[in-house]
Structures are given as structure tokens and as C-alpha cells.
Amino acid sequence: MSQRLVCEAFGRADDYDSHAGVQQQVAAMLAHAVAAQALPPAPRVLEIGCGTGFLGAALMPVLSDARWVMSDLSPAMLARARARFAGHDRVDYRVMDGQTPDVEGPFDLIVSSLAFQWFDDLGGAAARLQTLLAPGGLLAFTTMIAGSFAEWRAAHEDAPCGLVDYPDAADLRAMGFAVREVEWAVEGGGRGFLRHLRGIGADVPRAGHRPLSAGQLRRVIGRFDSQGGRATYRVALCLRRNAAAQ
């Protein structure tokens, strides 16, 4: 997947927060899970794909003494997070591709909410991030998984669907993550669903996809609406501890 296209799409999402209700709920879920984990005093935290700051806003009250590095592939998204947390002197910001982190550890906690599904090699990226963890450190993230937006995919019938493929929960478990699967639905019909994807910058098509003709798209929207007009996010919450010091 072209990370340039991903960066450009999220950079265009000027009204991200008003379209990102599911993203905010997922960030809150991840923050709640992290809050239940044992972390050292004043932990050093790296966030991958911070976006406009939903996860940081949910976690900062819990980790009030933490030192943060917030990173995002998109300079525009990072600027919005910087504006949200203006006045917080314990936060540093970095434009960075989380697949190839160029920041020095160790970190006690590496977190990310709904960014890993854009990685070309999630397993490789997770392994590289693991090397930045302190002994006993925690890697915690959420990602969309296979089965997401199944209703929209089914409405295409024989027409090519531009949605990217998401990782499989079984593969995440095979990597050693503790995985919890949850679902959220987005309603509003086909045109509403497309506006939602554009609004959050998630309308990046799979590599090589050719856009549907106007007639094809009308038929897809018609079938989608006739089947209820709702699309389901399937999300995995994943946790993995680094080995403790010997």
C-alpha cells in the first residue's frame, strides 16, 4: 500500500473529528485496557498514528505523569494533535512512519489506535516496535480486522471493491498477541458510508483498483441500502508484553 496516498488522504481529512465517532470509541476502549495494565511510575510512551489525539486525550488522565512521543505519518494530523495538547509540556511530536520507527527507546508503553491496518507488513512492524520496548514493556494497539465492512463488500457482487484487505485475528494471535474482538456499526446508507470514509481519510483504495463507473456505483449503493445500509467495523484489541529483564 502506498504510504504517500495514506498520508495525503488523512491530510485532507480537515473535519476528521466530526466523522470519527467509531475511532473515538475505539480509542476509549484501548485506553481503558491500557489503564488496567501494570506500568512503571512516569512511563515513557510512544504513540504510533496519533491522528488528532483521541487516544492521547483518553490516556493522559490515566497516565498523568507519563512522558509522550506522539507520532503520525501525516504532518497535518500531527499538527492537529499538537494544537489539541498545547500546553502539555511532557509531549514531543514526530512525523514518522510507524512501520519504520526512527525514534530512540526504550519505551514502557507503545500504543496505537486504528493505524496498524494501513501497514504493509504488520508482523514486521510490530517486531521492530517491540525492540523499542523496555524489559517488561507493553505493546498495545487496535486494528481493523478481516470481516470489516462485509456488507459493503457484498453489495459489489461481481464489481471490484476498492476496500483494502485487513489483517486476520487468527494471524494476530499467532504473533503472540492477546486479542479481543469487538464490533461497531456505521449507519446512514451507501452515500453516508462513503462520506464517512472520506471524512476520516480512509478512502485509500487497494493497489491497482480502478474506480467503478457511475452506473456501477449507483447499483452498489442501491444493493447496500436495500440490505439495511449499515457497515460493520470489526476491530481487534491486541496486547503483548516484552520479556522482563533477567
C-alpha atoms as a PDB file:
ATOM      1  CA  MET A   1       0.000   0.000   0.000  1.00  0.00           C
ATOM      2  CA  SER A   2       1.292   3.453  -0.864  1.00  0.00           C
ATOM      3  CA  GLN A   3       2.066   5.258   2.375  1.00  0.00           C
ATOM      4  CA  ARG A   4       2.159   8.501   0.364  1.00  0.00           C
ATOM      5  CA  LEU A   5      -1.503   8.009  -0.590  1.00  0.00           C
ATOM      6  CA  VAL A   6      -2.409   7.191   3.004  1.00  0.00           C
ATOM      7  CA  CYS A   7      -0.620  10.326   4.196  1.00  0.00           C
ATOM      8  CA  GLU A   8      -2.356  12.501   1.601  1.00  0.00           C
ATOM      9  CA  ALA A   9      -5.808  11.069   2.366  1.00  0.00           C
ATOM     10  CA  PHE A  10      -5.518  11.704   6.093  1.00  0.00           C
ATOM     11  CA  GLY A  11      -4.030  15.125   5.461  1.00  0.00           C
ATOM     12  CA  ARG A  12      -7.179  16.055   3.522  1.00  0.00           C
ATOM     13  CA  ALA A  13      -9.476  14.963   6.367  1.00  0.00           C
ATOM     14  CA  ASP A  14      -9.957  18.512   7.672  1.00  0.00           C
ATOM     15  CA  ASP A  15     -13.165  17.637   9.527  1.00  0.00           C
ATOM     16  CA  TYR A  16     -11.905  14.308  10.853  1.00  0.00           C
ATOM     17  CA  ASP A  17     -13.256  14.590  14.394  1.00  0.00           C
ATOM     18  CA  SER A  18     -16.870  15.117  13.307  1.00  0.00           C
ATOM     19  CA  HIS A  19     -16.819  11.911  11.209  1.00  0.00           C
ATOM     20  CA  ALA A  20     -14.766   9.746  13.576  1.00  0.00           C
ATOM     21  CA  GLY A  21     -17.248   8.588  16.217  1.00  0.00           C
ATOM     22  CA  VAL A  22     -16.171   4.956  15.943  1.00  0.00           C
ATOM     23  CA  GLN A  23     -12.497   5.959  16.082  1.00  0.00           C
ATOM     24  CA  GLN A  24     -13.107   7.861  19.312  1.00  0.00           C
ATOM     25  CA  GLN A  25     -14.928   4.904  20.871  1.00  0.00           C
ATOM     26  CA  VAL A  26     -12.138   2.516  19.864  1.00  0.00           C
ATOM     27  CA  ALA A  27      -9.528   4.856  21.370  1.00  0.00           C
ATOM     28  CA  ALA A  28     -11.503   4.947  24.631  1.00  0.00           C
ATOM     29  CA  MET A  29     -11.658   1.142  24.668  1.00  0.00           C
ATOM     30  CA  LEU A  30      -7.889   0.887  24.174  1.00  0.00           C
ATOM     31  CA  ALA A  31      -7.229   3.477  26.883  1.00  0.00           C
ATOM     32  CA  HIS A  32      -9.405   1.509  29.312  1.00  0.00           C
ATOM     33  CA  ALA A  33      -7.474  -1.689  28.530  1.00  0.00           C
ATOM     34  CA  VAL A  34      -4.105   0.023  28.998  1.00  0.00           C
ATOM     35  CA  ALA A  35      -5.234   1.562  32.285  1.00  0.00           C
ATOM     36  CA  ALA A  36      -5.785  -1.969  33.624  1.00  0.00           C
ATOM     37  CA  GLN A  37      -2.167  -2.939  32.891  1.00  0.00           C
ATOM     38  CA  ALA A  38       0.765  -2.578  35.268  1.00  0.00           C
ATOM     39  CA  LEU A  39       3.143   0.181  34.172  1.00  0.00           C
ATOM     40  CA  PRO A  40       6.090   1.779  35.980  1.00  0.00           C
ATOM     41  CA  PRO A  41       5.866   5.263  37.513  1.00  0.00           C
ATOM     42  CA  ALA A  42       6.333   8.072  34.977  1.00  0.00           C
ATOM     43  CA  PRO A  43       6.258   5.702  31.980  1.00  0.00           C
ATOM     44  CA  ARG A  44       7.750   6.713  28.650  1.00  0.00           C
ATOM     45  CA  VAL A  45       5.077   6.326  25.958  1.00  0.00           C
ATOM     46  CA  LEU A  46       5.328   6.157  22.157  1.00  0.00           C
ATOM     47  CA  GLU A  47       2.132   6.564  20.172  1.00  0.00           C
ATOM     48  CA  ILE A  48       2.004   5.450  16.534  1.00  0.00           C
ATOM     49  CA  GLY A  49      -0.547   7.170  14.278  1.00  0.00           C
ATOM     50  CA  CYS A  50      -1.787   9.643  16.877  1.00  0.00           C
ATOM     51  CA  GLY A  51      -4.161  11.348  14.426  1.00  0.00           C
ATOM     52  CA  THR A  52      -5.909  14.306  16.020  1.00  0.00           C
ATOM     53  CA  GLY A  53      -5.296  12.970  19.533  1.00  0.00           C
ATOM     54  CA  PHE A  54      -8.270  10.792  20.554  1.00  0.00           C
ATOM     55  CA  LEU A  55      -6.105   8.185  22.277  1.00  0.00           C
ATOM     56  CA  GLY A  56      -3.873  10.734  23.955  1.00  0.00           C
ATOM     57  CA  ALA A  57      -6.892  12.576  25.326  1.00  0.00           C
ATOM     58  CA  ALA A  58      -8.277   9.320  26.744  1.00  0.00           C
ATOM     59  CA  LEU A  59      -4.962   8.116  28.209  1.00  0.00           C
ATOM     60  CA  MET A  60      -3.413  11.285  29.604  1.00  0.00           C
ATOM     61  CA  PRO A  61      -5.726  11.488  32.633  1.00  0.00           C
ATOM     62  CA  VAL A  62      -4.749   7.897  33.460  1.00  0.00           C
ATOM     63  CA  LEU A  63      -1.019   8.321  32.786  1.00  0.00           C
ATOM     64  CA  SER A  64      -0.738  11.865  34.103  1.00  0.00           C
ATOM     65  CA  ASP A  65       2.980  11.565  34.839  1.00  0.00           C
ATOM     66  CA  ALA A  66       3.940   9.937  31.529  1.00  0.00           C
ATOM     67  CA  ARG A  67       6.384  11.354  29.013  1.00  0.00           C
ATOM     68  CA  TRP A  68       4.962  11.060  25.466  1.00  0.00           C
ATOM     69  CA  VAL A  69       6.271  10.873  21.955  1.00  0.00           C
ATOM     70  CA  MET A  70       3.290  11.262  19.614  1.00  0.00           C
ATOM     71  CA  SER A  71       3.938  10.340  16.001  1.00  0.00           C
ATOM     72  CA  ASP A  72       1.970  10.281  12.782  1.00  0.00           C
ATOM     73  CA  LEU A  73       2.688   9.720   9.115  1.00  0.00           C
ATOM     74  CA  SER A  74       0.681  12.852   8.241  1.00  0.00           C
ATOM     75  CA  PRO A  75       2.141  16.257   9.187  1.00  0.00           C
ATOM     76  CA  ALA A  76      -1.387  17.711   9.031  1.00  0.00           C
ATOM     77  CA  MET A  77      -2.730  15.186  11.533  1.00  0.00           C
ATOM     78  CA  LEU A  78       0.239  15.728  13.829  1.00  0.00           C
ATOM     79  CA  ALA A  79      -0.365  19.484  13.736  1.00  0.00           C
ATOM     80  CA  ARG A  80      -3.944  18.907  14.916  1.00  0.00           C
ATOM     81  CA  ALA A  81      -2.724  16.749  17.794  1.00  0.00           C
ATOM     82  CA  ARG A  82      -0.170  19.417  18.710  1.00  0.00           C
ATOM     83  CA  ALA A  83      -2.967  22.006  18.814  1.00  0.00           C
ATOM     84  CA  ARG A  84      -5.141  19.714  20.971  1.00  0.00           C
ATOM     85  CA  PHE A  85      -2.372  19.243  23.531  1.00  0.00           C
ATOM     86  CA  ALA A  86      -0.968  22.764  23.502  1.00  0.00           C
ATOM     87  CA  GLY A  87       0.276  23.495  26.982  1.00  0.00           C
ATOM     88  CA  HIS A  88       1.237  19.895  27.780  1.00  0.00           C
ATOM     89  CA  ASP A  89       4.986  20.155  28.276  1.00  0.00           C
ATOM     90  CA  ARG A  90       5.544  16.396  28.551  1.00  0.00           C
ATOM     91  CA  VAL A  91       4.700  15.666  24.897  1.00  0.00           C
ATOM     92  CA  ASP A  92       7.089  15.568  21.938  1.00  0.00           C
ATOM     93  CA  TYR A  93       5.911  15.233  18.345  1.00  0.00           C
ATOM     94  CA  ARG A  94       7.422  13.413  15.392  1.00  0.00           C
ATOM     95  CA  VAL A  95       6.389  12.909  11.770  1.00  0.00           C
ATOM     96  CA  MET A  96       7.177   9.227  11.309  1.00  0.00           C
ATOM     97  CA  ASP A  97       6.098   6.076   9.506  1.00  0.00           C
ATOM     98  CA  GLY A  98       5.321   3.671  12.332  1.00  0.00           C
ATOM     99  CA  GLN A  99       6.413   0.730  10.170  1.00  0.00           C
ATOM    100  CA  THR A 100       9.996   2.025  10.223  1.00  0.00           C
ATOM    101  CA  PRO A 101      10.315   3.906  13.518  1.00  0.00           C
ATOM    102  CA  ASP A 102      13.242   6.312  13.735  1.00  0.00           C
ATOM    103  CA  VAL A 103      12.993   7.168  17.408  1.00  0.00           C
ATOM    104  CA  GLU A 104      15.155   6.013  20.297  1.00  0.00           C
ATOM    105  CA  GLY A 105      13.738   3.878  23.082  1.00  0.00           C
ATOM    106  CA  PRO A 106      13.309   2.333  25.426  1.00  0.00           C
ATOM    107  CA  PHE A 107       9.584   2.896  25.975  1.00  0.00           C
ATOM    108  CA  ASP A 108       7.480   1.365  28.697  1.00  0.00           C
ATOM    109  CA  LEU A 109       4.381   1.538  26.508  1.00  0.00           C
ATOM    110  CA  ILE A 110       3.875   1.683  22.748  1.00  0.00           C
ATOM    111  CA  VAL A 111       0.260   2.334  21.753  1.00  0.00           C
ATOM    112  CA  SER A 112      -1.674   2.820  18.552  1.00  0.00           C
ATOM    113  CA  SER A 113      -5.364   3.030  17.704  1.00  0.00           C
ATOM    114  CA  LEU A 114      -6.592   2.045  14.228  1.00  0.00           C
ATOM    115  CA  ALA A 115      -3.329   2.695  12.397  1.00  0.00           C
ATOM    116  CA  PHE A 116      -1.788  -0.766  12.036  1.00  0.00           C
ATOM    117  CA  GLN A 117      -4.290  -1.866   9.376  1.00  0.00           C
ATOM    118  CA  TRP A 118      -2.504   0.506   6.965  1.00  0.00           C
ATOM    119  CA  PHE A 119       0.826  -1.285   7.394  1.00  0.00           C
ATOM    120  CA  ASP A 120       2.218  -3.346   4.516  1.00  0.00           C
ATOM    121  CA  ASP A 121       3.761  -5.839   6.969  1.00  0.00           C
ATOM    122  CA  LEU A 122       2.062  -5.651  10.349  1.00  0.00           C
ATOM    123  CA  GLY A 123       4.076  -8.513  11.804  1.00  0.00           C
ATOM    124  CA  GLY A 124       7.398  -6.993  10.768  1.00  0.00           C
ATOM    125  CA  ALA A 125       6.386  -3.562  12.034  1.00  0.00           C
ATOM    126  CA  ALA A 126       5.280  -4.993  15.381  1.00  0.00           C
ATOM    127  CA  ALA A 127       8.598  -6.825  15.704  1.00  0.00           C
ATOM    128  CA  ARG A 128      10.534  -3.616  15.048  1.00  0.00           C
ATOM    129  CA  LEU A 129       8.458  -1.710  17.573  1.00  0.00           C
ATOM    130  CA  GLN A 130       8.999  -4.479  20.116  1.00  0.00           C
ATOM    131  CA  THR A 131      12.744  -3.763  20.002  1.00  0.00           C
ATOM    132  CA  LEU A 132      11.990  -0.243  21.284  1.00  0.00           C
ATOM    133  CA  LEU A 133      10.264  -1.542  24.411  1.00  0.00           C
ATOM    134  CA  ALA A 134      11.924  -1.635  27.804  1.00  0.00           C
ATOM    135  CA  PRO A 135      12.092  -5.037  29.530  1.00  0.00           C
ATOM    136  CA  GLY A 136       8.540  -5.874  30.532  1.00  0.00           C
ATOM    137  CA  GLY A 137       7.191  -3.078  28.319  1.00  0.00           C
ATOM    138  CA  LEU A 138       3.773  -3.282  26.678  1.00  0.00           C
ATOM    139  CA  LEU A 139       2.756  -3.041  23.010  1.00  0.00           C
ATOM    140  CA  ALA A 140      -0.974  -2.278  22.849  1.00  0.00           C
ATOM    141  CA  PHE A 141      -2.936  -1.434  19.724  1.00  0.00           C
ATOM    142  CA  THR A 142      -6.255  -1.713  17.955  1.00  0.00           C
ATOM    143  CA  THR A 143      -6.624  -2.573  14.301  1.00  0.00           C
ATOM    144  CA  MET A 144      -9.438  -3.283  11.930  1.00  0.00           C
ATOM    145  CA  ILE A 145      -9.583  -6.956  11.001  1.00  0.00           C
ATOM    146  CA  ALA A 146     -10.912  -9.236   8.298  1.00  0.00           C
ATOM    147  CA  GLY A 147     -14.686  -9.111   8.023  1.00  0.00           C
ATOM    148  CA  SER A 148     -14.864  -5.336   8.390  1.00  0.00           C
ATOM    149  CA  PHE A 149     -17.397  -3.689   6.090  1.00  0.00           C
ATOM    150  CA  ALA A 150     -18.580  -7.090   4.855  1.00  0.00           C
ATOM    151  CA  GLU A 151     -21.938  -5.561   3.918  1.00  0.00           C
ATOM    152  CA  TRP A 152     -20.325  -3.018   1.581  1.00  0.00           C
ATOM    153  CA  ARG A 153     -18.113  -5.666   0.018  1.00  0.00           C
ATOM    154  CA  ALA A 154     -21.096  -7.970  -0.558  1.00  0.00           C
ATOM    155  CA  ALA A 155     -23.046  -5.179  -2.260  1.00  0.00           C
ATOM    156  CA  HIS A 156     -20.421  -5.091  -5.024  1.00  0.00           C
ATOM    157  CA  GLU A 157     -21.352  -8.601  -6.180  1.00  0.00           C
ATOM    158  CA  ASP A 158     -19.207  -9.023  -9.337  1.00  0.00           C
ATOM    159  CA  ALA A 159     -17.909  -5.423  -9.402  1.00  0.00           C
ATOM    160  CA  PRO A 160     -14.402  -4.867  -7.983  1.00  0.00           C
ATOM    161  CA  CYS A 161     -14.380  -3.496  -4.443  1.00  0.00           C
ATOM    162  CA  GLY A 162     -11.670  -0.955  -3.639  1.00  0.00           C
ATOM    163  CA  LEU A 163     -11.518  -1.623   0.096  1.00  0.00           C
ATOM    164  CA  VAL A 164      -8.140  -2.832   1.303  1.00  0.00           C
ATOM    165  CA  ASP A 165      -7.734  -6.212   2.990  1.00  0.00           C
ATOM    166  CA  TYR A 166      -7.412  -6.131   6.763  1.00  0.00           C
ATOM    167  CA  PRO A 167      -5.357  -8.491   8.955  1.00  0.00           C
ATOM    168  CA  ASP A 168      -6.911 -11.673  10.286  1.00  0.00           C
ATOM    169  CA  ALA A 169      -7.442 -12.052  14.034  1.00  0.00           C
ATOM    170  CA  ALA A 170      -6.002 -15.584  13.898  1.00  0.00           C
ATOM    171  CA  ASP A 171      -2.778 -14.229  12.431  1.00  0.00           C
ATOM    172  CA  LEU A 172      -2.528 -11.676  15.235  1.00  0.00           C
ATOM    173  CA  ARG A 173      -2.925 -14.424  17.827  1.00  0.00           C
ATOM    174  CA  ALA A 174      -0.243 -16.446  16.042  1.00  0.00           C
ATOM    175  CA  MET A 175       2.109 -13.476  16.568  1.00  0.00           C
ATOM    176  CA  GLY A 176       1.662 -13.869  20.320  1.00  0.00           C
ATOM    177  CA  PHE A 177      -0.876 -11.105  20.939  1.00  0.00           C
ATOM    178  CA  ALA A 178      -3.744 -11.431  23.370  1.00  0.00           C
ATOM    179  CA  VAL A 179      -6.660 -10.450  21.127  1.00  0.00           C
ATOM    180  CA  ARG A 180     -10.175  -9.263  21.935  1.00  0.00           C
ATOM    181  CA  GLU A 181     -12.579  -8.757  19.029  1.00  0.00           C
ATOM    182  CA  VAL A 182     -15.349  -6.159  19.054  1.00  0.00           C
ATOM    183  CA  GLU A 183     -17.751  -4.669  16.517  1.00  0.00           C
ATOM    184  CA  TRP A 184     -19.243  -1.257  15.794  1.00  0.00           C
ATOM    185  CA  ALA A 185     -21.787  -0.366  13.127  1.00  0.00           C
ATOM    186  CA  VAL A 186     -21.963   2.739  10.940  1.00  0.00           C
ATOM    187  CA  GLU A 187     -25.406   3.599   9.617  1.00  0.00           C
ATOM    188  CA  GLY A 188     -26.592   6.103   7.054  1.00  0.00           C
ATOM    189  CA  GLY A 189     -26.751   4.227   3.754  1.00  0.00           C
ATOM    190  CA  GLY A 190     -24.227   3.891   0.977  1.00  0.00           C
ATOM    191  CA  ARG A 191     -23.657   7.567   0.336  1.00  0.00           C
ATOM    192  CA  GLY A 192     -23.320   8.195   4.060  1.00  0.00           C
ATOM    193  CA  PHE A 193     -20.785   5.384   4.318  1.00  0.00           C
ATOM    194  CA  LEU A 194     -18.703   6.880   1.509  1.00  0.00           C
ATOM    195  CA  ARG A 195     -18.830  10.302   3.185  1.00  0.00           C
ATOM    196  CA  HIS A 196     -17.690   8.655   6.426  1.00  0.00           C
ATOM    197  CA  LEU A 197     -14.667   7.057   4.744  1.00  0.00           C
ATOM    198  CA  ARG A 198     -13.694  10.319   3.047  1.00  0.00           C
ATOM    199  CA  GLY A 199     -14.230  12.276   6.248  1.00  0.00           C
ATOM    200  CA  ILE A 200     -11.758  10.135   8.201  1.00  0.00           C
ATOM    201  CA  GLY A 201      -9.251   9.791   5.346  1.00  0.00           C
ATOM    202  CA  ALA A 202      -9.906   6.049   4.981  1.00  0.00           C
ATOM    203  CA  ASP A 203     -10.901   6.122   1.306  1.00  0.00           C
ATOM    204  CA  VAL A 204      -7.486   4.933   0.082  1.00  0.00           C
ATOM    205  CA  PRO A 205      -8.180   2.125  -2.431  1.00  0.00           C
ATOM    206  CA  ARG A 206      -6.326  -1.163  -2.688  1.00  0.00           C
ATOM    207  CA  ALA A 207      -3.342  -1.122  -5.027  1.00  0.00           C
ATOM    208  CA  GLY A 208      -4.346  -1.367  -8.683  1.00  0.00           C
ATOM    209  CA  HIS A 209      -8.035  -0.707  -8.072  1.00  0.00           C
ATOM    210  CA  ARG A 210      -9.886   1.030 -10.889  1.00  0.00           C
ATOM    211  CA  PRO A 211     -12.793   3.197  -9.715  1.00  0.00           C
ATOM    212  CA  LEU A 212     -16.286   1.991 -10.553  1.00  0.00           C
ATOM    213  CA  SER A 213     -18.279   3.739 -13.227  1.00  0.00           C
ATOM    214  CA  ALA A 214     -21.109   5.991 -12.069  1.00  0.00           C
ATOM    215  CA  GLY A 215     -23.632   3.307 -13.023  1.00  0.00           C
ATOM    216  CA  GLN A 216     -21.762   0.578 -11.155  1.00  0.00           C
ATOM    217  CA  LEU A 217     -21.517   2.741  -8.058  1.00  0.00           C
ATOM    218  CA  ARG A 218     -25.251   3.535  -8.144  1.00  0.00           C
ATOM    219  CA  ARG A 219     -26.024  -0.183  -8.282  1.00  0.00           C
ATOM    220  CA  VAL A 220     -23.669  -0.938  -5.374  1.00  0.00           C
ATOM    221  CA  ILE A 221     -25.257   1.813  -3.274  1.00  0.00           C
ATOM    222  CA  GLY A 222     -28.731   0.552  -4.175  1.00  0.00           C
ATOM    223  CA  ARG A 223     -27.917  -3.013  -3.109  1.00  0.00           C
ATOM    224  CA  PHE A 224     -26.224  -1.799   0.076  1.00  0.00           C
ATOM    225  CA  ASP A 225     -29.188   0.373   1.040  1.00  0.00           C
ATOM    226  CA  SER A 226     -31.660  -2.423   0.283  1.00  0.00           C
ATOM    227  CA  GLN A 227     -29.780  -4.660   2.739  1.00  0.00           C
ATOM    228  CA  GLY A 228     -30.058  -2.168   5.597  1.00  0.00           C
ATOM    229  CA  GLY A 229     -27.497   0.497   4.750  1.00  0.00           C
ATOM    230  CA  ARG A 230     -25.144  -0.228   7.648  1.00  0.00           C
ATOM    231  CA  ALA A 231     -21.481  -1.233   7.625  1.00  0.00           C
ATOM    232  CA  THR A 232     -19.749  -3.065  10.454  1.00  0.00           C
ATOM    233  CA  TYR A 233     -16.301  -2.310  11.794  1.00  0.00           C
ATOM    234  CA  ARG A 234     -14.600  -5.426  13.161  1.00  0.00           C
ATOM    235  CA  VAL A 235     -11.796  -4.378  15.499  1.00  0.00           C
ATOM    236  CA  ALA A 236      -9.147  -6.328  17.389  1.00  0.00           C
ATOM    237  CA  LEU A 237      -7.622  -5.042  20.615  1.00  0.00           C
ATOM    238  CA  CYS A 238      -4.133  -6.540  20.864  1.00  0.00           C
ATOM    239  CA  LEU A 239      -1.724  -6.691  23.804  1.00  0.00           C
ATOM    240  CA  ARG A 240       1.768  -8.187  24.025  1.00  0.00           C
ATOM    241  CA  ARG A 241       4.401  -7.829  26.748  1.00  0.00           C
ATOM    242  CA  ASN A 242       8.103  -7.634  26.136  1.00  0.00           C
ATOM    243  CA  ALA A 243      10.210 -10.152  28.021  1.00  0.00           C
ATOM    244  CA  ALA A 244      11.151  -8.976  31.504  1.00  0.00           C
ATOM    245  CA  ALA A 245      14.781  -8.394  32.430  1.00  0.00           C
ATOM    246  CA  GLN A 246      16.614 -11.459  33.694  1.00  0.00           C
END
